């Protein structure tokens, strides 16, 4: 994260309030890194997730910026597909994600030179190639994944050692937590993201926030040229 600040500041963290992101919040706060934090409030988050936002605000003194979907886009979608249109097809599910997550993400990233995520390579088959850093072409800024090489055991060892607040749903079998209708507890032997959009094939289980990329991060001269 130091590299991101030094080379591409200002920097912001996209937090789902999951275990990985809480590790990053703790690192940011305890090291006084000056990195902003935002949450995409999709309108369908678990009560436990929203409660954790308030708990983390009190613990760390950080202003978690909340971004909500565009009202007109959301109303149009609901009129056509209803609140549970996500189950009708992959396209309708991804359209819902685009409205509730991708469009607000674009607003959240405006004015920043880099953003940080808590993605790890061993979370799922869709994340095996997650790089430590990359150029995020759709959003036009650098993207850093400082926990890319961490294991789940690494994450929880940090949380336990530093007494980091975390979502109680993790202890109920939810290693990855998104919107309530799209998330279930996983079964023994399943990967961390098996409970996300569980009715779909494993290779489609992303929302569009993190499209697969093979773009190396450009140098400063390339960005300014």
C-alpha atoms as a PDB file:
ATOM      1  CA  UNK A   1       0.000   0.000   0.000  1.00  0.00           C
ATOM      2  CA  UNK A   2       2.974   2.282   0.581  1.00  0.00           C
ATOM      3  CA  UNK A   3       3.852   1.974  -3.113  1.00  0.00           C
ATOM      4  CA  UNK A   4       0.340   3.020  -4.090  1.00  0.00           C
ATOM      5  CA  UNK A   5       0.480   6.089  -1.879  1.00  0.00           C
ATOM      6  CA  UNK A   6       3.968   7.080  -2.995  1.00  0.00           C
ATOM      7  CA  UNK A   7       3.449   6.581  -6.721  1.00  0.00           C
ATOM      8  CA  UNK A   8      -0.249   7.160  -7.347  1.00  0.00           C
ATOM      9  CA  UNK A   9      -1.921   8.947  -4.435  1.00  0.00           C
ATOM     10  CA  UNK A  10      -4.550   9.801  -3.453  1.00  0.00           C
ATOM     11  CA  UNK A  11      -5.623   6.223  -2.726  1.00  0.00           C
ATOM     12  CA  UNK A  12      -8.891   4.635  -1.614  1.00  0.00           C
ATOM     13  CA  UNK A  13      -9.883   1.180  -0.359  1.00  0.00           C
ATOM     14  CA  UNK A  14     -12.991  -0.563  -1.669  1.00  0.00           C
ATOM     15  CA  UNK A  15     -14.350  -2.361   1.375  1.00  0.00           C
ATOM     16  CA  UNK A  16     -17.006  -5.063   1.318  1.00  0.00           C
ATOM     17  CA  UNK A  17     -16.549  -5.232   5.111  1.00  0.00           C
ATOM     18  CA  UNK A  18     -15.332  -8.803   4.646  1.00  0.00           C
ATOM     19  CA  UNK A  19     -12.462 -10.296   6.638  1.00  0.00           C
ATOM     20  CA  UNK A  20      -9.783  -9.322   4.122  1.00  0.00           C
ATOM     21  CA  UNK A  21     -10.987  -5.741   3.908  1.00  0.00           C
ATOM     22  CA  UNK A  22     -11.104  -5.432   7.684  1.00  0.00           C
ATOM     23  CA  UNK A  23      -7.456  -6.495   7.805  1.00  0.00           C
ATOM     24  CA  UNK A  24      -6.672  -3.705   5.341  1.00  0.00           C
ATOM     25  CA  UNK A  25      -8.742  -1.182   7.314  1.00  0.00           C
ATOM     26  CA  UNK A  26      -6.810  -2.114  10.448  1.00  0.00           C
ATOM     27  CA  UNK A  27      -3.472  -1.709   8.644  1.00  0.00           C
ATOM     28  CA  UNK A  28      -4.541   1.647   7.212  1.00  0.00           C
ATOM     29  CA  UNK A  29      -5.733   2.988  10.556  1.00  0.00           C
ATOM     30  CA  UNK A  30      -2.973   1.683  12.808  1.00  0.00           C
ATOM     31  CA  UNK A  31      -0.255   2.905  10.429  1.00  0.00           C
ATOM     32  CA  UNK A  32      -2.020   6.228   9.761  1.00  0.00           C
ATOM     33  CA  UNK A  33      -1.675   5.743   6.003  1.00  0.00           C
ATOM     34  CA  UNK A  34      -4.218   8.373   5.018  1.00  0.00           C
ATOM     35  CA  UNK A  35      -6.073   6.044   2.653  1.00  0.00           C
ATOM     36  CA  UNK A  36      -9.800   6.679   2.266  1.00  0.00           C
ATOM     37  CA  UNK A  37     -12.324   3.852   2.600  1.00  0.00           C
ATOM     38  CA  UNK A  38     -15.648   3.401   0.831  1.00  0.00           C
ATOM     39  CA  UNK A  39     -18.451   0.842   0.847  1.00  0.00           C
ATOM     40  CA  UNK A  40     -20.901   0.078  -1.942  1.00  0.00           C
ATOM     41  CA  UNK A  41     -24.247   0.021  -0.152  1.00  0.00           C
ATOM     42  CA  UNK A  42     -26.215  -1.985  -2.693  1.00  0.00           C
ATOM     43  CA  UNK A  43     -29.476  -1.793  -0.799  1.00  0.00           C
ATOM     44  CA  UNK A  44     -29.395  -5.549  -0.179  1.00  0.00           C
ATOM     45  CA  UNK A  45     -26.531  -5.940   2.262  1.00  0.00           C
ATOM     46  CA  UNK A  46     -26.922  -8.091   5.359  1.00  0.00           C
ATOM     47  CA  UNK A  47     -27.902  -6.319   8.560  1.00  0.00           C
ATOM     48  CA  UNK A  48     -24.679  -7.653  10.071  1.00  0.00           C
ATOM     49  CA  UNK A  49     -22.609  -5.958   7.372  1.00  0.00           C
ATOM     50  CA  UNK A  50     -24.212  -2.562   7.924  1.00  0.00           C
ATOM     51  CA  UNK A  51     -23.780  -2.930  11.679  1.00  0.00           C
ATOM     52  CA  UNK A  52     -20.071  -3.637  11.152  1.00  0.00           C
ATOM     53  CA  UNK A  53     -19.696  -0.349   9.279  1.00  0.00           C
ATOM     54  CA  UNK A  54     -20.840   1.512  12.383  1.00  0.00           C
ATOM     55  CA  UNK A  55     -18.649  -0.617  14.632  1.00  0.00           C
ATOM     56  CA  UNK A  56     -15.589   0.014  12.455  1.00  0.00           C
ATOM     57  CA  UNK A  57     -16.270   3.746  12.338  1.00  0.00           C
ATOM     58  CA  UNK A  58     -16.267   3.851  16.122  1.00  0.00           C
ATOM     59  CA  UNK A  59     -13.165   1.656  16.437  1.00  0.00           C
ATOM     60  CA  UNK A  60     -10.966   3.364  13.858  1.00  0.00           C
ATOM     61  CA  UNK A  61     -12.337   6.886  13.510  1.00  0.00           C
ATOM     62  CA  UNK A  62     -12.490   6.432   9.733  1.00  0.00           C
ATOM     63  CA  UNK A  63     -15.294   7.896   7.637  1.00  0.00           C
ATOM     64  CA  UNK A  64     -16.522   4.952   5.586  1.00  0.00           C
ATOM     65  CA  UNK A  65     -17.984   6.681   2.528  1.00  0.00           C
ATOM     66  CA  UNK A  66     -21.198   4.988   1.366  1.00  0.00           C
ATOM     67  CA  UNK A  67     -22.184   4.846  -2.305  1.00  0.00           C
ATOM     68  CA  UNK A  68     -25.690   3.753  -3.307  1.00  0.00           C
ATOM     69  CA  UNK A  69     -27.159   2.771  -6.702  1.00  0.00           C
ATOM     70  CA  UNK A  70     -28.593   5.339  -9.074  1.00  0.00           C
ATOM     71  CA  UNK A  71     -32.295   5.491  -8.181  1.00  0.00           C
ATOM     72  CA  UNK A  72     -33.599   5.769 -11.743  1.00  0.00           C
ATOM     73  CA  UNK A  73     -31.518   2.857 -13.026  1.00  0.00           C
ATOM     74  CA  UNK A  74     -32.547   0.695 -10.102  1.00  0.00           C
ATOM     75  CA  UNK A  75     -36.252   1.489 -10.462  1.00  0.00           C
ATOM     76  CA  UNK A  76     -36.136   0.667 -14.179  1.00  0.00           C
ATOM     77  CA  UNK A  77     -34.491  -2.674 -13.452  1.00  0.00           C
ATOM     78  CA  UNK A  78     -36.965  -3.563 -10.719  1.00  0.00           C
ATOM     79  CA  UNK A  79     -39.918  -2.676 -12.947  1.00  0.00           C
ATOM     80  CA  UNK A  80     -38.669  -5.079 -15.609  1.00  0.00           C
ATOM     81  CA  UNK A  81     -37.245  -7.928 -13.536  1.00  0.00           C
ATOM     82  CA  UNK A  82     -38.534  -7.581  -9.977  1.00  0.00           C
ATOM     83  CA  UNK A  83     -36.431  -7.781  -6.802  1.00  0.00           C
ATOM     84  CA  UNK A  84     -35.295 -11.349  -7.512  1.00  0.00           C
ATOM     85  CA  UNK A  85     -34.539 -11.064 -11.217  1.00  0.00           C
ATOM     86  CA  UNK A  86     -30.998 -12.223 -10.389  1.00  0.00           C
ATOM     87  CA  UNK A  87     -32.243 -15.814 -10.459  1.00  0.00           C
ATOM     88  CA  UNK A  88     -33.686 -15.576 -13.973  1.00  0.00           C
ATOM     89  CA  UNK A  89     -30.405 -15.602 -15.906  1.00  0.00           C
ATOM     90  CA  UNK A  90     -26.732 -14.701 -15.679  1.00  0.00           C
ATOM     91  CA  UNK A  91     -27.460 -11.585 -17.736  1.00  0.00           C
ATOM     92  CA  UNK A  92     -30.135 -10.288 -15.377  1.00  0.00           C
ATOM     93  CA  UNK A  93     -27.937 -11.051 -12.382  1.00  0.00           C
ATOM     94  CA  UNK A  94     -24.986  -9.209 -13.909  1.00  0.00           C
ATOM     95  CA  UNK A  95     -27.230  -6.287 -14.824  1.00  0.00           C
ATOM     96  CA  UNK A  96     -28.275  -6.064 -11.188  1.00  0.00           C
ATOM     97  CA  UNK A  97     -24.601  -6.107 -10.149  1.00  0.00           C
ATOM     98  CA  UNK A  98     -23.812  -3.432 -12.722  1.00  0.00           C
ATOM     99  CA  UNK A  99     -26.462  -1.137 -11.275  1.00  0.00           C
ATOM    100  CA  UNK A 100     -25.859  -1.837  -7.608  1.00  0.00           C
ATOM    101  CA  UNK A 101     -22.056  -2.125  -7.718  1.00  0.00           C
ATOM    102  CA  UNK A 102     -20.237  -1.254 -10.937  1.00  0.00           C
ATOM    103  CA  UNK A 103     -21.837   2.141 -11.611  1.00  0.00           C
ATOM    104  CA  UNK A 104     -21.428   3.306  -7.984  1.00  0.00           C
ATOM    105  CA  UNK A 105     -17.819   2.078  -8.074  1.00  0.00           C
ATOM    106  CA  UNK A 106     -17.100   4.458 -10.940  1.00  0.00           C
ATOM    107  CA  UNK A 107     -18.360   7.355  -8.853  1.00  0.00           C
ATOM    108  CA  UNK A 108     -16.437   6.192  -5.793  1.00  0.00           C
ATOM    109  CA  UNK A 109     -13.120   6.094  -7.688  1.00  0.00           C
ATOM    110  CA  UNK A 110     -13.312   9.550  -9.239  1.00  0.00           C
ATOM    111  CA  UNK A 111     -10.404  11.755  -8.240  1.00  0.00           C
ATOM    112  CA  UNK A 112      -8.150   8.906  -7.084  1.00  0.00           C
ATOM    113  CA  UNK A 113      -4.897   7.682  -8.590  1.00  0.00           C
ATOM    114  CA  UNK A 114      -5.171   4.150  -7.234  1.00  0.00           C
ATOM    115  CA  UNK A 115      -7.555   1.858  -5.414  1.00  0.00           C
ATOM    116  CA  UNK A 116      -6.992  -1.110  -3.150  1.00  0.00           C
ATOM    117  CA  UNK A 117      -8.912  -4.376  -2.845  1.00  0.00           C
ATOM    118  CA  UNK A 118      -8.767  -7.381  -0.542  1.00  0.00           C
ATOM    119  CA  UNK A 119      -8.773  -9.985  -3.322  1.00  0.00           C
ATOM    120  CA  UNK A 120      -6.752 -13.171  -2.770  1.00  0.00           C
ATOM    121  CA  UNK A 121      -5.640 -15.726  -5.352  1.00  0.00           C
ATOM    122  CA  UNK A 122      -6.908 -18.748  -3.444  1.00  0.00           C
ATOM    123  CA  UNK A 123     -10.455 -17.464  -3.011  1.00  0.00           C
ATOM    124  CA  UNK A 124     -11.831 -19.035  -6.207  1.00  0.00           C
ATOM    125  CA  UNK A 125     -11.029 -20.191  -9.726  1.00  0.00           C
ATOM    126  CA  UNK A 126     -11.890 -16.729 -11.057  1.00  0.00           C
ATOM    127  CA  UNK A 127      -9.149 -15.156  -8.914  1.00  0.00           C
ATOM    128  CA  UNK A 128      -6.192 -17.482  -9.468  1.00  0.00           C
ATOM    129  CA  UNK A 129      -4.463 -14.862 -11.604  1.00  0.00           C
ATOM    130  CA  UNK A 130      -4.983 -11.855  -9.342  1.00  0.00           C
ATOM    131  CA  UNK A 131      -1.817  -9.727  -9.628  1.00  0.00           C
ATOM    132  CA  UNK A 132      -0.222  -7.711  -6.851  1.00  0.00           C
ATOM    133  CA  UNK A 133      -0.937  -4.591  -8.909  1.00  0.00           C
ATOM    134  CA  UNK A 134      -2.340  -3.778 -12.331  1.00  0.00           C
ATOM    135  CA  UNK A 135      -3.667  -1.019 -14.524  1.00  0.00           C
ATOM    136  CA  UNK A 136      -7.454  -0.816 -14.237  1.00  0.00           C
ATOM    137  CA  UNK A 137      -8.344   0.184 -17.780  1.00  0.00           C
ATOM    138  CA  UNK A 138     -12.144   0.577 -17.334  1.00  0.00           C
ATOM    139  CA  UNK A 139     -11.699   2.997 -14.440  1.00  0.00           C
ATOM    140  CA  UNK A 140      -8.463   4.620 -15.608  1.00  0.00           C
ATOM    141  CA  UNK A 141      -6.327   4.210 -12.503  1.00  0.00           C
ATOM    142  CA  UNK A 142      -4.002   1.785 -10.749  1.00  0.00           C
ATOM    143  CA  UNK A 143      -5.324  -1.119  -8.720  1.00  0.00           C
ATOM    144  CA  UNK A 144      -3.470  -2.833  -5.882  1.00  0.00           C
ATOM    145  CA  UNK A 145      -4.241  -6.195  -4.278  1.00  0.00           C
ATOM    146  CA  UNK A 146      -1.862  -6.325  -1.286  1.00  0.00           C
ATOM    147  CA  UNK A 147      -3.339  -9.556   0.104  1.00  0.00           C
ATOM    148  CA  UNK A 148      -3.203 -11.413  -3.227  1.00  0.00           C
ATOM    149  CA  UNK A 149      -0.760 -13.980  -1.877  1.00  0.00           C
ATOM    150  CA  UNK A 150      -2.337 -14.333   1.569  1.00  0.00           C
ATOM    151  CA  UNK A 151      -4.186 -17.490   2.583  1.00  0.00           C
ATOM    152  CA  UNK A 152      -7.389 -17.608   4.576  1.00  0.00           C
ATOM    153  CA  UNK A 153      -5.291 -18.767   7.510  1.00  0.00           C
ATOM    154  CA  UNK A 154      -3.102 -15.667   7.184  1.00  0.00           C
ATOM    155  CA  UNK A 155      -6.157 -13.415   7.237  1.00  0.00           C
ATOM    156  CA  UNK A 156      -7.650 -14.979  10.340  1.00  0.00           C
ATOM    157  CA  UNK A 157      -4.328 -15.131  12.157  1.00  0.00           C
ATOM    158  CA  UNK A 158      -4.050 -11.354  11.701  1.00  0.00           C
ATOM    159  CA  UNK A 159      -7.648 -10.785  12.825  1.00  0.00           C
ATOM    160  CA  UNK A 160      -7.179 -12.908  15.947  1.00  0.00           C
ATOM    161  CA  UNK A 161      -3.816 -11.372  16.836  1.00  0.00           C
ATOM    162  CA  UNK A 162      -4.980  -7.776  16.456  1.00  0.00           C
ATOM    163  CA  UNK A 163      -8.569  -8.319  17.621  1.00  0.00           C
ATOM    164  CA  UNK A 164      -9.950  -6.848  14.405  1.00  0.00           C
ATOM    165  CA  UNK A 165     -13.759  -6.458  14.334  1.00  0.00           C
ATOM    166  CA  UNK A 166     -15.359  -8.708  11.739  1.00  0.00           C
ATOM    167  CA  UNK A 167     -18.713  -9.800  10.391  1.00  0.00           C
ATOM    168  CA  UNK A 168     -20.316 -12.464  12.629  1.00  0.00           C
ATOM    169  CA  UNK A 169     -21.551 -14.240   9.495  1.00  0.00           C
ATOM    170  CA  UNK A 170     -17.974 -15.429   8.899  1.00  0.00           C
ATOM    171  CA  UNK A 171     -18.290 -17.697  11.924  1.00  0.00           C
ATOM    172  CA  UNK A 172     -21.556 -19.067  10.504  1.00  0.00           C
ATOM    173  CA  UNK A 173     -19.946 -20.469   7.347  1.00  0.00           C
ATOM    174  CA  UNK A 174     -19.802 -17.347   5.177  1.00  0.00           C
ATOM    175  CA  UNK A 175     -16.155 -16.728   4.193  1.00  0.00           C
ATOM    176  CA  UNK A 176     -17.289 -14.372   1.410  1.00  0.00           C
ATOM    177  CA  UNK A 177     -20.205 -12.023   2.051  1.00  0.00           C
ATOM    178  CA  UNK A 178     -22.003  -9.980  -0.585  1.00  0.00           C
ATOM    179  CA  UNK A 179     -25.666  -9.096  -0.993  1.00  0.00           C
ATOM    180  CA  UNK A 180     -27.980 -11.177   1.180  1.00  0.00           C
ATOM    181  CA  UNK A 181     -29.935 -12.865  -1.661  1.00  0.00           C
ATOM    182  CA  UNK A 182     -26.689 -13.761  -3.466  1.00  0.00           C
ATOM    183  CA  UNK A 183     -24.802 -15.296  -0.540  1.00  0.00           C
ATOM    184  CA  UNK A 184     -25.088 -18.582   1.322  1.00  0.00           C
ATOM    185  CA  UNK A 185     -22.894 -20.469   3.765  1.00  0.00           C
ATOM    186  CA  UNK A 186     -20.444 -22.825   2.073  1.00  0.00           C
ATOM    187  CA  UNK A 187     -20.110 -26.575   2.542  1.00  0.00           C
ATOM    188  CA  UNK A 188     -16.983 -28.370   3.673  1.00  0.00           C
ATOM    189  CA  UNK A 189     -14.398 -28.533   0.904  1.00  0.00           C
ATOM    190  CA  UNK A 190     -15.851 -25.673  -1.151  1.00  0.00           C
ATOM    191  CA  UNK A 191     -13.743 -22.638  -2.035  1.00  0.00           C
ATOM    192  CA  UNK A 192     -14.258 -19.359  -0.227  1.00  0.00           C
ATOM    193  CA  UNK A 193     -16.536 -17.886  -2.882  1.00  0.00           C
ATOM    194  CA  UNK A 194     -18.668 -20.975  -3.520  1.00  0.00           C
ATOM    195  CA  UNK A 195     -21.492 -19.349  -1.571  1.00  0.00           C
ATOM    196  CA  UNK A 196     -21.644 -16.370  -3.935  1.00  0.00           C
ATOM    197  CA  UNK A 197     -24.197 -16.802  -6.752  1.00  0.00           C
ATOM    198  CA  UNK A 198     -24.178 -20.508  -5.908  1.00  0.00           C
ATOM    199  CA  UNK A 199     -26.706 -21.312  -8.654  1.00  0.00           C
ATOM    200  CA  UNK A 200     -24.184 -20.334 -11.363  1.00  0.00           C
ATOM    201  CA  UNK A 201     -21.112 -22.087 -12.722  1.00  0.00           C
ATOM    202  CA  UNK A 202     -17.871 -21.296 -10.839  1.00  0.00           C
ATOM    203  CA  UNK A 203     -16.338 -19.439 -13.784  1.00  0.00           C
ATOM    204  CA  UNK A 204     -19.085 -16.788 -13.853  1.00  0.00           C
ATOM    205  CA  UNK A 205     -18.956 -15.836 -10.187  1.00  0.00           C
ATOM    206  CA  UNK A 206     -17.852 -12.228 -10.414  1.00  0.00           C
ATOM    207  CA  UNK A 207     -19.975  -9.080 -10.320  1.00  0.00           C
ATOM    208  CA  UNK A 208     -18.011  -6.920 -12.747  1.00  0.00           C
ATOM    209  CA  UNK A 209     -16.047  -4.961 -10.180  1.00  0.00           C
ATOM    210  CA  UNK A 210     -12.966  -7.043 -10.895  1.00  0.00           C
ATOM    211  CA  UNK A 211     -12.875  -8.112 -14.552  1.00  0.00           C
ATOM    212  CA  UNK A 212      -9.988 -10.413 -15.396  1.00  0.00           C
ATOM    213  CA  UNK A 213      -7.055  -8.338 -16.542  1.00  0.00           C
ATOM    214  CA  UNK A 214      -3.654  -9.005 -18.008  1.00  0.00           C
ATOM    215  CA  UNK A 215      -2.760  -5.320 -18.135  1.00  0.00           C
ATOM    216  CA  UNK A 216       0.543  -4.543 -16.405  1.00  0.00           C
ATOM    217  CA  UNK A 217       0.573  -1.298 -14.471  1.00  0.00           C
ATOM    218  CA  UNK A 218       2.019   1.431 -16.725  1.00  0.00           C
ATOM    219  CA  UNK A 219       4.961   3.499 -15.629  1.00  0.00           C
ATOM    220  CA  UNK A 220       4.569   7.139 -14.618  1.00  0.00           C
ATOM    221  CA  UNK A 221       5.894   8.249 -17.991  1.00  0.00           C
ATOM    222  CA  UNK A 222       3.352   6.103 -19.802  1.00  0.00           C
ATOM    223  CA  UNK A 223       0.478   7.566 -17.771  1.00  0.00           C
ATOM    224  CA  UNK A 224       1.602  11.157 -18.332  1.00  0.00           C
ATOM    225  CA  UNK A 225       2.410  10.752 -22.017  1.00  0.00           C
END
